[in-house]
Amino acid sequence: MHPTADTRAVIYLRGAARGVMPGTGTALGVFAAVAVAAGEPAGAARLWGAAQAIFDVADYKLDRVDQDFVDRYVGEVRAALGAEAYEAAFRGGSNTPSRSPARPDRASRSASAGSKPSIRAV
């Protein structure tokens, strides 16, 4: 049995409160799934963009169970928004003030990381 989205959010927020950076990204991903359920696909895409930015900085890869959870919702959002609108919203979420312009962009880091799955990969 898998935990519900709200249970997952609580679990990951506890980790985020302790300063566990990937936990913060995972919590954002759970909130994105909640946004999908609430009928806010563009908000979900922005949250996934923010989550992916955190994962990139932390060099973190979702495990298979979490990736499957995300893939389900990302597919739904891409279908609702279209690929171009999804990418624009996703980029909007990853382009937050906390990201330093001196850091390489996500695309160049992802390319150097090989075939690491990501929220964008769906």
PDB file of N, CA and C in Angstrom:
ATOM      1  N   MET A   1       0.838  -1.178   0.000  1.00  0.00           N
ATOM      2  CA  MET A   1       0.000   0.000   0.000  1.00  0.00           C
ATOM      3  C   MET A   1       0.889   1.249   0.000  1.00  0.00           C
ATOM      4  N   HIS A   2       0.553   2.202  -0.861  1.00  0.00           N
ATOM      5  CA  HIS A   2       1.319   3.433  -0.970  1.00  0.00           C
ATOM      6  C   HIS A   2       0.639   4.540  -0.169  1.00  0.00           C
ATOM      7  N   PRO A   3       1.444   5.401   0.452  1.00  0.00           N
ATOM      8  CA  PRO A   3       0.839   6.516   1.201  1.00  0.00           C
ATOM      9  C   PRO A   3       0.122   7.489   0.271  1.00  0.00           C
ATOM     10  N   THR A   4      -0.869   8.155   0.806  1.00  0.00           N
ATOM     11  CA  THR A   4      -1.600   9.158   0.030  1.00  0.00           C
ATOM     12  C   THR A   4      -0.714  10.376  -0.190  1.00  0.00           C
ATOM     13  N   ALA A   5      -1.126  11.250  -1.110  1.00  0.00           N
ATOM     14  CA  ALA A   5      -0.337  12.444  -1.427  1.00  0.00           C
ATOM     15  C   ALA A   5      -0.144  13.325  -0.204  1.00  0.00           C
ATOM     16  N   ASP A   6      -1.183  13.493   0.593  1.00  0.00           N
ATOM     17  CA  ASP A   6      -1.033  14.365   1.762  1.00  0.00           C
ATOM     18  C   ASP A   6      -0.121  13.746   2.807  1.00  0.00           C
ATOM     19  N   THR A   7      -0.151  12.421   2.961  1.00  0.00           N
ATOM     20  CA  THR A   7       0.759  11.753   3.893  1.00  0.00           C
ATOM     21  C   THR A   7       2.199  11.918   3.417  1.00  0.00           C
ATOM     22  N   ARG A   8       2.417  11.770   2.114  1.00  0.00           N
ATOM     23  CA  ARG A   8       3.755  11.955   1.557  1.00  0.00           C
ATOM     24  C   ARG A   8       4.234  13.381   1.799  1.00  0.00           C
ATOM     25  N   ALA A   9       3.352  14.344   1.618  1.00  0.00           N
ATOM     26  CA  ALA A   9       3.730  15.747   1.822  1.00  0.00           C
ATOM     27  C   ALA A   9       4.209  15.980   3.238  1.00  0.00           C
ATOM     28  N   VAL A  10       3.502  15.428   4.214  1.00  0.00           N
ATOM     29  CA  VAL A  10       3.897  15.590   5.616  1.00  0.00           C
ATOM     30  C   VAL A  10       5.263  14.954   5.863  1.00  0.00           C
ATOM     31  N   ILE A  11       5.459  13.758   5.348  1.00  0.00           N
ATOM     32  CA  ILE A  11       6.738  13.058   5.527  1.00  0.00           C
ATOM     33  C   ILE A  11       7.887  13.889   4.961  1.00  0.00           C
ATOM     34  N   TYR A  12       7.715  14.386   3.743  1.00  0.00           N
ATOM     35  CA  TYR A  12       8.786  15.127   3.104  1.00  0.00           C
ATOM     36  C   TYR A  12       8.986  16.507   3.704  1.00  0.00           C
ATOM     37  N   LEU A  13       7.929  17.121   4.163  1.00  0.00           N
ATOM     38  CA  LEU A  13       8.084  18.429   4.809  1.00  0.00           C
ATOM     39  C   LEU A  13       8.869  18.304   6.110  1.00  0.00           C
ATOM     40  N   ARG A  14       8.679  17.203   6.815  1.00  0.00           N
ATOM     41  CA  ARG A  14       9.484  16.982   8.028  1.00  0.00           C
ATOM     42  C   ARG A  14      10.969  16.956   7.673  1.00  0.00           C
ATOM     43  N   GLY A  15      11.311  16.281   6.590  1.00  0.00           N
ATOM     44  CA  GLY A  15      12.703  16.264   6.137  1.00  0.00           C
ATOM     45  C   GLY A  15      13.169  17.638   5.709  1.00  0.00           C
ATOM     46  N   ALA A  16      12.310  18.363   5.003  1.00  0.00           N
ATOM     47  CA  ALA A  16      12.659  19.709   4.548  1.00  0.00           C
ATOM     48  C   ALA A  16      12.916  20.626   5.731  1.00  0.00           C
ATOM     49  N   ALA A  17      12.137  20.489   6.780  1.00  0.00           N
ATOM     50  CA  ALA A  17      12.309  21.326   7.966  1.00  0.00           C
ATOM     51  C   ALA A  17      13.667  21.075   8.619  1.00  0.00           C
ATOM     52  N   ARG A  18      14.211  19.892   8.423  1.00  0.00           N
ATOM     53  CA  ARG A  18      15.534  19.570   8.979  1.00  0.00           C
ATOM     54  C   ARG A  18      16.649  20.000   8.037  1.00  0.00           C
ATOM     55  N   GLY A  19      16.311  20.662   6.925  1.00  0.00           N
ATOM     56  CA  GLY A  19      17.329  21.134   5.996  1.00  0.00           C
ATOM     57  C   GLY A  19      17.734  20.117   4.959  1.00  0.00           C
ATOM     58  N   VAL A  20      16.952  19.091   4.779  1.00  0.00           N
ATOM     59  CA  VAL A  20      17.256  18.087   3.767  1.00  0.00           C
ATOM     60  C   VAL A  20      16.758  18.612   2.430  1.00  0.00           C
ATOM     61  N   MET A  21      17.664  19.096   1.611  1.00  0.00           N
ATOM     62  CA  MET A  21      17.294  19.778   0.386  1.00  0.00           C
ATOM     63  C   MET A  21      16.484  18.917  -0.583  1.00  0.00           C
ATOM     64  N   PRO A  22      16.873  17.673  -0.864  1.00  0.00           N
ATOM     65  CA  PRO A  22      16.045  16.876  -1.768  1.00  0.00           C
ATOM     66  C   PRO A  22      14.629  16.672  -1.231  1.00  0.00           C
ATOM     67  N   GLY A  23      14.479  16.624   0.075  1.00  0.00           N
ATOM     68  CA  GLY A  23      13.151  16.504   0.660  1.00  0.00           C
ATOM     69  C   GLY A  23      12.281  17.698   0.325  1.00  0.00           C
ATOM     70  N   THR A  24      12.888  18.863   0.250  1.00  0.00           N
ATOM     71  CA  THR A  24      12.152  20.063  -0.136  1.00  0.00           C
ATOM     72  C   THR A  24      11.668  19.927  -1.575  1.00  0.00           C
ATOM     73  N   GLY A  25      12.527  19.462  -2.453  1.00  0.00           N
ATOM     74  CA  GLY A  25      12.135  19.249  -3.844  1.00  0.00           C
ATOM     75  C   GLY A  25      11.037  18.209  -3.961  1.00  0.00           C
ATOM     76  N   THR A  26      11.147  17.136  -3.195  1.00  0.00           N
ATOM     77  CA  THR A  26      10.126  16.100  -3.234  1.00  0.00           C
ATOM     78  C   THR A  26       8.804  16.635  -2.706  1.00  0.00           C
ATOM     79  N   ALA A  27       8.858  17.442  -1.655  1.00  0.00           N
ATOM     80  CA  ALA A  27       7.629  18.051  -1.131  1.00  0.00           C
ATOM     81  C   ALA A  27       6.980  18.938  -2.189  1.00  0.00           C
ATOM     82  N   LEU A  28       7.778  19.710  -2.917  1.00  0.00           N
ATOM     83  CA  LEU A  28       7.231  20.533  -4.002  1.00  0.00           C
ATOM     84  C   LEU A  28       6.571  19.659  -5.063  1.00  0.00           C
ATOM     85  N   GLY A  29       7.171  18.509  -5.330  1.00  0.00           N
ATOM     86  CA  GLY A  29       6.575  17.573  -6.289  1.00  0.00           C
ATOM     87  C   GLY A  29       5.235  17.042  -5.808  1.00  0.00           C
ATOM     88  N   VAL A  30       5.128  16.776  -4.520  1.00  0.00           N
ATOM     89  CA  VAL A  30       3.857  16.319  -3.960  1.00  0.00           C
ATOM     90  C   VAL A  30       2.825  17.437  -4.046  1.00  0.00           C
ATOM     91  N   PHE A  31       3.242  18.653  -3.732  1.00  0.00           N
ATOM     92  CA  PHE A  31       2.319  19.788  -3.861  1.00  0.00           C
ATOM     93  C   PHE A  31       1.884  19.958  -5.311  1.00  0.00           C
ATOM     94  N   ALA A  32       2.774  19.664  -6.245  1.00  0.00           N
ATOM     95  CA  ALA A  32       2.408  19.734  -7.662  1.00  0.00           C
ATOM     96  C   ALA A  32       1.305  18.725  -7.978  1.00  0.00           C
ATOM     97  N   ALA A  33       1.414  17.527  -7.426  1.00  0.00           N
ATOM     98  CA  ALA A  33       0.371  16.523  -7.631  1.00  0.00           C
ATOM     99  C   ALA A  33      -0.957  17.006  -7.046  1.00  0.00           C
ATOM    100  N   VAL A  34      -0.901  17.665  -5.906  1.00  0.00           N
ATOM    101  CA  VAL A  34      -2.112  18.239  -5.307  1.00  0.00           C
ATOM    102  C   VAL A  34      -2.678  19.321  -6.228  1.00  0.00           C
ATOM    103  N   ALA A  35      -1.804  20.123  -6.833  1.00  0.00           N
ATOM    104  CA  ALA A  35      -2.253  21.162  -7.768  1.00  0.00           C
ATOM    105  C   ALA A  35      -2.959  20.533  -8.968  1.00  0.00           C
ATOM    106  N   VAL A  36      -2.464  19.402  -9.441  1.00  0.00           N
ATOM    107  CA  VAL A  36      -3.124  18.703 -10.545  1.00  0.00           C
ATOM    108  C   VAL A  36      -4.537  18.310 -10.118  1.00  0.00           C
ATOM    109  N   ALA A  37      -4.643  17.718  -8.941  1.00  0.00           N
ATOM    110  CA  ALA A  37      -5.951  17.292  -8.441  1.00  0.00           C
ATOM    111  C   ALA A  37      -6.896  18.473  -8.248  1.00  0.00           C
ATOM    112  N   ALA A  38      -6.343  19.644  -7.975  1.00  0.00           N
ATOM    113  CA  ALA A  38      -7.155  20.849  -7.767  1.00  0.00           C
ATOM    114  C   ALA A  38      -7.468  21.571  -9.078  1.00  0.00           C
ATOM    115  N   GLY A  39      -7.012  21.005 -10.197  1.00  0.00           N
ATOM    116  CA  GLY A  39      -7.297  21.623 -11.492  1.00  0.00           C
ATOM    117  C   GLY A  39      -6.401  22.793 -11.844  1.00  0.00           C
ATOM    118  N   GLU A  40      -5.173  22.800 -11.313  1.00  0.00           N
ATOM    119  CA  GLU A  40      -4.218  23.877 -11.573  1.00  0.00           C
ATOM    120  C   GLU A  40      -2.968  23.327 -12.277  1.00  0.00           C
ATOM    121  N   PRO A  41      -3.100  22.911 -13.551  1.00  0.00           N
ATOM    122  CA  PRO A  41      -1.955  22.277 -14.214  1.00  0.00           C
ATOM    123  C   PRO A  41      -0.751  23.197 -14.398  1.00  0.00           C
ATOM    124  N   ALA A  42      -0.962  24.474 -14.676  1.00  0.00           N
ATOM    125  CA  ALA A  42       0.179  25.386 -14.849  1.00  0.00           C
ATOM    126  C   ALA A  42       0.925  25.562 -13.526  1.00  0.00           C
ATOM    127  N   GLY A  43       0.188  25.644 -12.432  1.00  0.00           N
ATOM    128  CA  GLY A  43       0.820  25.723 -11.114  1.00  0.00           C
ATOM    129  C   GLY A  43       1.617  24.473 -10.815  1.00  0.00           C
ATOM    130  N   ALA A  44       1.074  23.319 -11.197  1.00  0.00           N
ATOM    131  CA  ALA A  44       1.784  22.058 -10.995  1.00  0.00           C
ATOM    132  C   ALA A  44       3.096  22.054 -11.772  1.00  0.00           C
ATOM    133  N   ALA A  45       3.061  22.499 -13.018  1.00  0.00           N
ATOM    134  CA  ALA A  45       4.281  22.529 -13.827  1.00  0.00           C
ATOM    135  C   ALA A  45       5.323  23.457 -13.211  1.00  0.00           C
ATOM    136  N   ARG A  46       4.890  24.611 -12.693  1.00  0.00           N
ATOM    137  CA  ARG A  46       5.848  25.526 -12.035  1.00  0.00           C
ATOM    138  C   ARG A  46       6.457  24.874 -10.794  1.00  0.00           C
ATOM    139  N   LEU A  47       5.633  24.178 -10.017  1.00  0.00           N
ATOM    140  CA  LEU A  47       6.157  23.499  -8.832  1.00  0.00           C
ATOM    141  C   LEU A  47       7.164  22.418  -9.224  1.00  0.00           C
ATOM    142  N   TRP A  48       6.882  21.676 -10.291  1.00  0.00           N
ATOM    143  CA  TRP A  48       7.851  20.672 -10.736  1.00  0.00           C
ATOM    144  C   TRP A  48       9.127  21.318 -11.243  1.00  0.00           C
ATOM    145  N   GLY A  49       9.021  22.477 -11.859  1.00  0.00           N
ATOM    146  CA  GLY A  49      10.230  23.191 -12.275  1.00  0.00           C
ATOM    147  C   GLY A  49      11.092  23.557 -11.076  1.00  0.00           C
ATOM    148  N   ALA A  50      10.449  24.043 -10.021  1.00  0.00           N
ATOM    149  CA  ALA A  50      11.178  24.391  -8.797  1.00  0.00           C
ATOM    150  C   ALA A  50      11.787  23.143  -8.159  1.00  0.00           C
ATOM    151  N   ALA A  51      11.013  22.052  -8.147  1.00  0.00           N
ATOM    152  CA  ALA A  51      11.525  20.799  -7.580  1.00  0.00           C
ATOM    153  C   ALA A  51      12.742  20.316  -8.364  1.00  0.00           C
ATOM    154  N   GLN A  52      12.658  20.355  -9.697  1.00  0.00           N
ATOM    155  CA  GLN A  52      13.778  19.884 -10.511  1.00  0.00           C
ATOM    156  C   GLN A  52      15.013  20.751 -10.301  1.00  0.00           C
ATOM    157  N   ALA A  53      14.826  22.054 -10.124  1.00  0.00           N
ATOM    158  CA  ALA A  53      15.963  22.937  -9.860  1.00  0.00           C
ATOM    159  C   ALA A  53      16.670  22.528  -8.568  1.00  0.00           C
ATOM    160  N   ILE A  54      15.888  22.197  -7.551  1.00  0.00           N
ATOM    161  CA  ILE A  54      16.475  21.737  -6.283  1.00  0.00           C
ATOM    162  C   ILE A  54      17.193  20.413  -6.492  1.00  0.00           C
ATOM    163  N   PHE A  55      16.565  19.486  -7.201  1.00  0.00           N
ATOM    164  CA  PHE A  55      17.215  18.191  -7.444  1.00  0.00           C
ATOM    165  C   PHE A  55      18.521  18.366  -8.213  1.00  0.00           C
ATOM    166  N   ASP A  56      18.531  19.285  -9.162  1.00  0.00           N
ATOM    167  CA  ASP A  56      19.754  19.516  -9.933  1.00  0.00           C
ATOM    168  C   ASP A  56      20.883  20.041  -9.050  1.00  0.00           C
ATOM    169  N   VAL A  57      20.560  21.020  -8.207  1.00  0.00           N
ATOM    170  CA  VAL A  57      21.571  21.587  -7.313  1.00  0.00           C
ATOM    171  C   VAL A  57      22.086  20.536  -6.340  1.00  0.00           C
ATOM    172  N   ALA A  58      21.171  19.690  -5.849  1.00  0.00           N
ATOM    173  CA  ALA A  58      21.544  18.652  -4.877  1.00  0.00           C
ATOM    174  C   ALA A  58      22.105  17.406  -5.553  1.00  0.00           C
ATOM    175  N   ASP A  59      22.105  17.367  -6.891  1.00  0.00           N
ATOM    176  CA  ASP A  59      22.511  16.182  -7.649  1.00  0.00           C
ATOM    177  C   ASP A  59      21.752  14.956  -7.148  1.00  0.00           C
ATOM    178  N   TYR A  60      20.441  15.113  -7.070  1.00  0.00           N
ATOM    179  CA  TYR A  60      19.558  14.095  -6.516  1.00  0.00           C
ATOM    180  C   TYR A  60      18.734  13.458  -7.610  1.00  0.00           C
ATOM    181  N   LYS A  61      18.567  12.156  -7.536  1.00  0.00           N
ATOM    182  CA  LYS A  61      17.776  11.400  -8.498  1.00  0.00           C
ATOM    183  C   LYS A  61      16.623  10.735  -7.751  1.00  0.00           C
ATOM    184  N   LEU A  62      15.406  10.910  -8.260  1.00  0.00           N
ATOM    185  CA  LEU A  62      14.246  10.259  -7.656  1.00  0.00           C
ATOM    186  C   LEU A  62      14.393   8.749  -7.756  1.00  0.00           C
ATOM    187  N   ASP A  63      13.927   8.040  -6.716  1.00  0.00           N
ATOM    188  CA  ASP A  63      13.908   6.586  -6.831  1.00  0.00           C
ATOM    189  C   ASP A  63      12.752   6.200  -7.747  1.00  0.00           C
ATOM    190  N   ARG A  64      12.693   4.960  -8.140  1.00  0.00           N
ATOM    191  CA  ARG A  64      11.721   4.500  -9.140  1.00  0.00           C
ATOM    192  C   ARG A  64      10.278   4.735  -8.691  1.00  0.00           C
ATOM    193  N   VAL A  65       9.973   4.464  -7.439  1.00  0.00           N
ATOM    194  CA  VAL A  65       8.604   4.651  -6.938  1.00  0.00           C
ATOM    195  C   VAL A  65       8.204   6.123  -7.042  1.00  0.00           C
ATOM    196  N   ASP A  66       9.087   7.020  -6.604  1.00  0.00           N
ATOM    197  CA  ASP A  66       8.784   8.452  -6.683  1.00  0.00           C
ATOM    198  C   ASP A  66       8.704   8.915  -8.130  1.00  0.00           C
ATOM    199  N   GLN A  67       9.588   8.398  -8.993  1.00  0.00           N
ATOM    200  CA  GLN A  67       9.555   8.772 -10.405  1.00  0.00           C
ATOM    201  C   GLN A  67       8.238   8.336 -11.041  1.00  0.00           C
ATOM    202  N   ASP A  68       7.774   7.135 -10.715  1.00  0.00           N
ATOM    203  CA  ASP A  68       6.492   6.660 -11.248  1.00  0.00           C
ATOM    204  C   ASP A  68       5.346   7.551 -10.778  1.00  0.00           C
ATOM    205  N   PHE A  69       5.393   7.972  -9.516  1.00  0.00           N
ATOM    206  CA  PHE A  69       4.374   8.865  -8.951  1.00  0.00           C
ATOM    207  C   PHE A  69       4.337  10.175  -9.734  1.00  0.00           C
ATOM    208  N   VAL A  70       5.505  10.755  -9.977  1.00  0.00           N
ATOM    209  CA  VAL A  70       5.612  12.014 -10.694  1.00  0.00           C
ATOM    210  C   VAL A  70       5.192  11.840 -12.155  1.00  0.00           C
ATOM    211  N   ASP A  71       5.658  10.783 -12.801  1.00  0.00           N
ATOM    212  CA  ASP A  71       5.372  10.558 -14.214  1.00  0.00           C
ATOM    213  C   ASP A  71       3.873  10.545 -14.493  1.00  0.00           C
ATOM    214  N   ARG A  72       3.124   9.936 -13.602  1.00  0.00           N
ATOM    215  CA  ARG A  72       1.669   9.855 -13.774  1.00  0.00           C
ATOM    216  C   ARG A  72       1.056  11.251 -13.888  1.00  0.00           C
ATOM    217  N   TYR A  73       1.442  12.117 -12.981  1.00  0.00           N
ATOM    218  CA  TYR A  73       0.867  13.458 -12.952  1.00  0.00           C
ATOM    219  C   TYR A  73       1.438  14.369 -14.036  1.00  0.00           C
ATOM    220  N   VAL A  74       2.716  14.245 -14.316  1.00  0.00           N
ATOM    221  CA  VAL A  74       3.318  15.070 -15.366  1.00  0.00           C
ATOM    222  C   VAL A  74       2.661  14.756 -16.710  1.00  0.00           C
ATOM    223  N   GLY A  75       2.414  13.492 -16.980  1.00  0.00           N
ATOM    224  CA  GLY A  75       1.734  13.121 -18.218  1.00  0.00           C
ATOM    225  C   GLY A  75       0.365  13.769 -18.327  1.00  0.00           C
ATOM    226  N   GLU A  76      -0.361  13.792 -17.224  1.00  0.00           N
ATOM    227  CA  GLU A  76      -1.681  14.421 -17.202  1.00  0.00           C
ATOM    228  C   GLU A  76      -1.582  15.925 -17.459  1.00  0.00           C
ATOM    229  N   VAL A  77      -0.592  16.568 -16.846  1.00  0.00           N
ATOM    230  CA  VAL A  77      -0.422  18.014 -17.012  1.00  0.00           C
ATOM    231  C   VAL A  77       0.029  18.347 -18.438  1.00  0.00           C
ATOM    232  N   ARG A  78       0.958  17.581 -18.980  1.00  0.00           N
ATOM    233  CA  ARG A  78       1.407  17.809 -20.361  1.00  0.00           C
ATOM    234  C   ARG A  78       0.227  17.684 -21.329  1.00  0.00           C
ATOM    235  N   ALA A  79      -0.635  16.703 -21.095  1.00  0.00           N
ATOM    236  CA  ALA A  79      -1.804  16.522 -21.960  1.00  0.00           C
ATOM    237  C   ALA A  79      -2.761  17.707 -21.836  1.00  0.00           C
ATOM    238  N   ALA A  80      -2.918  18.223 -20.632  1.00  0.00           N
ATOM    239  CA  ALA A  80      -3.836  19.340 -20.407  1.00  0.00           C
ATOM    240  C   ALA A  80      -3.297  20.650 -20.980  1.00  0.00           C
ATOM    241  N   LEU A  81      -2.001  20.890 -20.809  1.00  0.00           N
ATOM    242  CA  LEU A  81      -1.411  22.170 -21.220  1.00  0.00           C
ATOM    243  C   LEU A  81      -0.839  22.160 -22.629  1.00  0.00           C
ATOM    244  N   GLY A  82      -0.391  21.016 -23.073  1.00  0.00           N
ATOM    245  CA  GLY A  82       0.405  20.941 -24.294  1.00  0.00           C
ATOM    246  C   GLY A  82       1.871  21.069 -23.928  1.00  0.00           C
ATOM    247  N   ALA A  83       2.726  20.502 -24.751  1.00  0.00           N
ATOM    248  CA  ALA A  83       4.155  20.451 -24.437  1.00  0.00           C
ATOM    249  C   ALA A  83       4.778  21.836 -24.276  1.00  0.00           C
ATOM    250  N   GLU A  84       4.438  22.757 -25.180  1.00  0.00           N
ATOM    251  CA  GLU A  84       5.048  24.084 -25.136  1.00  0.00           C
ATOM    252  C   GLU A  84       4.659  24.854 -23.873  1.00  0.00           C
ATOM    253  N   ALA A  85       3.384  24.832 -23.519  1.00  0.00           N
ATOM    254  CA  ALA A  85       2.927  25.537 -22.310  1.00  0.00           C
ATOM    255  C   ALA A  85       3.483  24.874 -21.053  1.00  0.00           C
ATOM    256  N   TYR A  86       3.586  23.537 -21.079  1.00  0.00           N
ATOM    257  CA  TYR A  86       4.175  22.844 -19.933  1.00  0.00           C
ATOM    258  C   TYR A  86       5.623  23.298 -19.742  1.00  0.00           C
ATOM    259  N   GLU A  87       6.390  23.297 -20.820  1.00  0.00           N
ATOM    260  CA  GLU A  87       7.802  23.696 -20.723  1.00  0.00           C
ATOM    261  C   GLU A  87       7.942  25.130 -20.238  1.00  0.00           C
ATOM    262  N   ALA A  88       7.090  26.017 -20.707  1.00  0.00           N
ATOM    263  CA  ALA A  88       7.154  27.421 -20.277  1.00  0.00           C
ATOM    264  C   ALA A  88       6.866  27.538 -18.785  1.00  0.00           C
ATOM    265  N   ALA A  89       5.843  26.847 -18.319  1.00  0.00           N
ATOM    266  CA  ALA A  89       5.511  26.890 -16.890  1.00  0.00           C
ATOM    267  C   ALA A  89       6.614  26.231 -16.060  1.00  0.00           C
ATOM    268  N   PHE A  90       7.139  25.114 -16.552  1.00  0.00           N
ATOM    269  CA  PHE A  90       8.225  24.401 -15.867  1.00  0.00           C
ATOM    270  C   PHE A  90       9.437  25.320 -15.719  1.00  0.00           C
ATOM    271  N   ARG A  91       9.798  25.988 -16.813  1.00  0.00           N
ATOM    272  CA  ARG A  91      10.933  26.933 -16.762  1.00  0.00           C
ATOM    273  C   ARG A  91      10.652  28.065 -15.793  1.00  0.00           C
ATOM    274  N   GLY A  92       9.402  28.507 -15.737  1.00  0.00           N
ATOM    275  CA  GLY A  92       9.038  29.562 -14.791  1.00  0.00           C
ATOM    276  C   GLY A  92       9.273  29.144 -13.353  1.00  0.00           C
ATOM    277  N   GLY A  93       9.020  27.893 -13.041  1.00  0.00           N
ATOM    278  CA  GLY A  93       9.253  27.397 -11.685  1.00  0.00           C
ATOM    279  C   GLY A  93      10.718  27.223 -11.362  1.00  0.00           C
ATOM    280  N   SER A  94      11.513  26.874 -12.366  1.00  0.00           N
ATOM    281  CA  SER A  94      12.941  26.659 -12.104  1.00  0.00           C
ATOM    282  C   SER A  94      13.730  27.949 -12.132  1.00  0.00           C
ATOM    283  N   ASN A  95      13.105  29.011 -12.564  1.00  0.00           N
ATOM    284  CA  ASN A  95      13.778  30.302 -12.685  1.00  0.00           C
ATOM    285  C   ASN A  95      13.393  31.199 -11.514  1.00  0.00           C
ATOM    286  N   THR A  96      13.718  30.746 -10.308  1.00  0.00           N
ATOM    287  CA  THR A  96      13.350  31.476  -9.104  1.00  0.00           C
ATOM    288  C   THR A  96      14.489  32.388  -8.666  1.00  0.00           C
ATOM    289  N   PRO A  97      14.214  33.403  -7.840  1.00  0.00           N
ATOM    290  CA  PRO A  97      15.256  34.320  -7.390  1.00  0.00           C
ATOM    291  C   PRO A  97      16.397  33.640  -6.635  1.00  0.00           C
ATOM    292  N   SER A  98      16.148  32.473  -6.031  1.00  0.00           N
ATOM    293  CA  SER A  98      17.196  31.812  -5.258  1.00  0.00           C
ATOM    294  C   SER A  98      18.240  31.152  -6.150  1.00  0.00           C
ATOM    295  N   ARG A  99      17.960  31.024  -7.432  1.00  0.00           N
ATOM    296  CA  ARG A  99      18.939  30.419  -8.343  1.00  0.00           C
ATOM    297  C   ARG A  99      19.952  31.473  -8.753  1.00  0.00           C
ATOM    298  N   SER A 100      21.196  31.176  -8.568  1.00  0.00           N
ATOM    299  CA  SER A 100      22.256  32.121  -8.886  1.00  0.00           C
ATOM    300  C   SER A 100      22.533  32.129 -10.383  1.00  0.00           C
ATOM    301  N   PRO A 101      22.650  33.308 -11.005  1.00  0.00           N
ATOM    302  CA  PRO A 101      22.985  33.360 -12.427  1.00  0.00           C
ATOM    303  C   PRO A 101      24.370  32.798 -12.719  1.00  0.00           C
ATOM    304  N   ALA A 102      25.217  32.707 -11.693  1.00  0.00           N
ATOM    305  CA  ALA A 102      26.564  32.193 -11.900  1.00  0.00           C
ATOM    306  C   ALA A 102      26.581  30.672 -12.058  1.00  0.00           C
ATOM    307  N   ARG A 103      25.499  30.001 -11.631  1.00  0.00           N
ATOM    308  CA  ARG A 103      25.448  28.545 -11.765  1.00  0.00           C
ATOM    309  C   ARG A 103      25.127  28.172 -13.205  1.00  0.00           C
ATOM    310  N   PRO A 104      25.665  27.032 -13.664  1.00  0.00           N
ATOM    311  CA  PRO A 104      25.290  26.593 -15.007  1.00  0.00           C
ATOM    312  C   PRO A 104      23.796  26.297 -15.055  1.00  0.00           C
ATOM    313  N   ASP A 105      23.211  26.450 -16.221  1.00  0.00           N
ATOM    314  CA  ASP A 105      21.774  26.176 -16.310  1.00  0.00           C
ATOM    315  C   ASP A 105      21.505  24.681 -16.200  1.00  0.00           C
ATOM    316  N   ARG A 106      20.248  24.342 -15.945  1.00  0.00           N
ATOM    317  CA  ARG A 106      19.847  22.965 -15.715  1.00  0.00           C
ATOM    318  C   ARG A 106      20.160  22.101 -16.925  1.00  0.00           C
ATOM    319  N   ALA A 107      19.966  22.610 -18.120  1.00  0.00           N
ATOM    320  CA  ALA A 107      20.179  21.799 -19.314  1.00  0.00           C
ATOM    321  C   ALA A 107      21.624  21.328 -19.409  1.00  0.00           C
ATOM    322  N   SER A 108      22.577  22.213 -19.116  1.00  0.00           N
ATOM    323  CA  SER A 108      23.974  21.803 -19.224  1.00  0.00           C
ATOM    324  C   SER A 108      24.344  20.827 -18.116  1.00  0.00           C
ATOM    325  N   ARG A 109      23.791  20.988 -16.909  1.00  0.00           N
ATOM    326  CA  ARG A 109      24.054  20.033 -15.837  1.00  0.00           C
ATOM    327  C   ARG A 109      23.431  18.685 -16.156  1.00  0.00           C
ATOM    328  N   SER A 110      22.200  18.680 -16.682  1.00  0.00           N
ATOM    329  CA  SER A 110      21.532  17.430 -17.007  1.00  0.00           C
ATOM    330  C   SER A 110      22.278  16.683 -18.101  1.00  0.00           C
ATOM    331  N   ALA A 111      22.778  17.419 -19.078  1.00  0.00           N
ATOM    332  CA  ALA A 111      23.510  16.782 -20.168  1.00  0.00           C
ATOM    333  C   ALA A 111      24.767  16.104 -19.636  1.00  0.00           C
ATOM    334  N   SER A 112      25.429  16.735 -18.662  1.00  0.00           N
ATOM    335  CA  SER A 112      26.651  16.144 -18.127  1.00  0.00           C
ATOM    336  C   SER A 112      26.353  15.010 -17.164  1.00  0.00           C
ATOM    337  N   ALA A 113      25.108  14.904 -16.695  1.00  0.00           N
ATOM    338  CA  ALA A 113      24.752  13.868 -15.737  1.00  0.00           C
ATOM    339  C   ALA A 113      24.347  12.572 -16.421  1.00  0.00           C
ATOM    340  N   GLY A 114      24.313  12.534 -17.723  1.00  0.00           N
ATOM    341  CA  GLY A 114      23.932  11.319 -18.423  1.00  0.00           C
ATOM    342  C   GLY A 114      22.430  11.183 -18.533  1.00  0.00           C
ATOM    343  N   SER A 115      21.938   9.974 -18.344  1.00  0.00           N
ATOM    344  CA  SER A 115      20.514   9.708 -18.561  1.00  0.00           C
ATOM    345  C   SER A 115      19.718   9.727 -17.264  1.00  0.00           C
ATOM    346  N   LYS A 116      20.127  10.533 -16.314  1.00  0.00           N
ATOM    347  CA  LYS A 116      19.427  10.642 -15.033  1.00  0.00           C
ATOM    348  C   LYS A 116      17.973  11.037 -15.273  1.00  0.00           C
ATOM    349  N   PRO A 117      17.001  10.236 -14.778  1.00  0.00           N
ATOM    350  CA  PRO A 117      15.597  10.616 -14.960  1.00  0.00           C
ATOM    351  C   PRO A 117      15.300  11.945 -14.271  1.00  0.00           C
ATOM    352  N   SER A 118      14.325  12.639 -14.808  1.00  0.00           N
ATOM    353  CA  SER A 118      13.936  13.899 -14.209  1.00  0.00           C
ATOM    354  C   SER A 118      12.458  14.113 -14.419  1.00  0.00           C
ATOM    355  N   ILE A 119      11.951  15.127 -13.776  1.00  0.00           N
ATOM    356  CA  ILE A 119      10.550  15.464 -13.916  1.00  0.00           C
ATOM    357  C   ILE A 119      10.265  15.862 -15.365  1.00  0.00           C
ATOM    358  N   ARG A 120      11.211  16.508 -16.005  1.00  0.00           N
ATOM    359  CA  ARG A 120      11.030  16.943 -17.383  1.00  0.00           C
ATOM    360  C   ARG A 120      10.984  15.765 -18.342  1.00  0.00           C
ATOM    361  N   ALA A 121      11.585  14.642 -17.989  1.00  0.00           N
ATOM    362  CA  ALA A 121      11.791  13.524 -18.926  1.00  0.00           C
ATOM    363  C   ALA A 121      10.521  12.831 -19.373  1.00  0.00           C
ATOM    364  N   VAL A 122       9.409  13.087 -18.763  1.00  0.00           N
ATOM    365  CA  VAL A 122       8.177  12.378 -19.118  1.00  0.00           C
ATOM    366  C   VAL A 122       7.674  12.821 -20.460  1.00  0.00           C
TER     367      VAL A 122
END
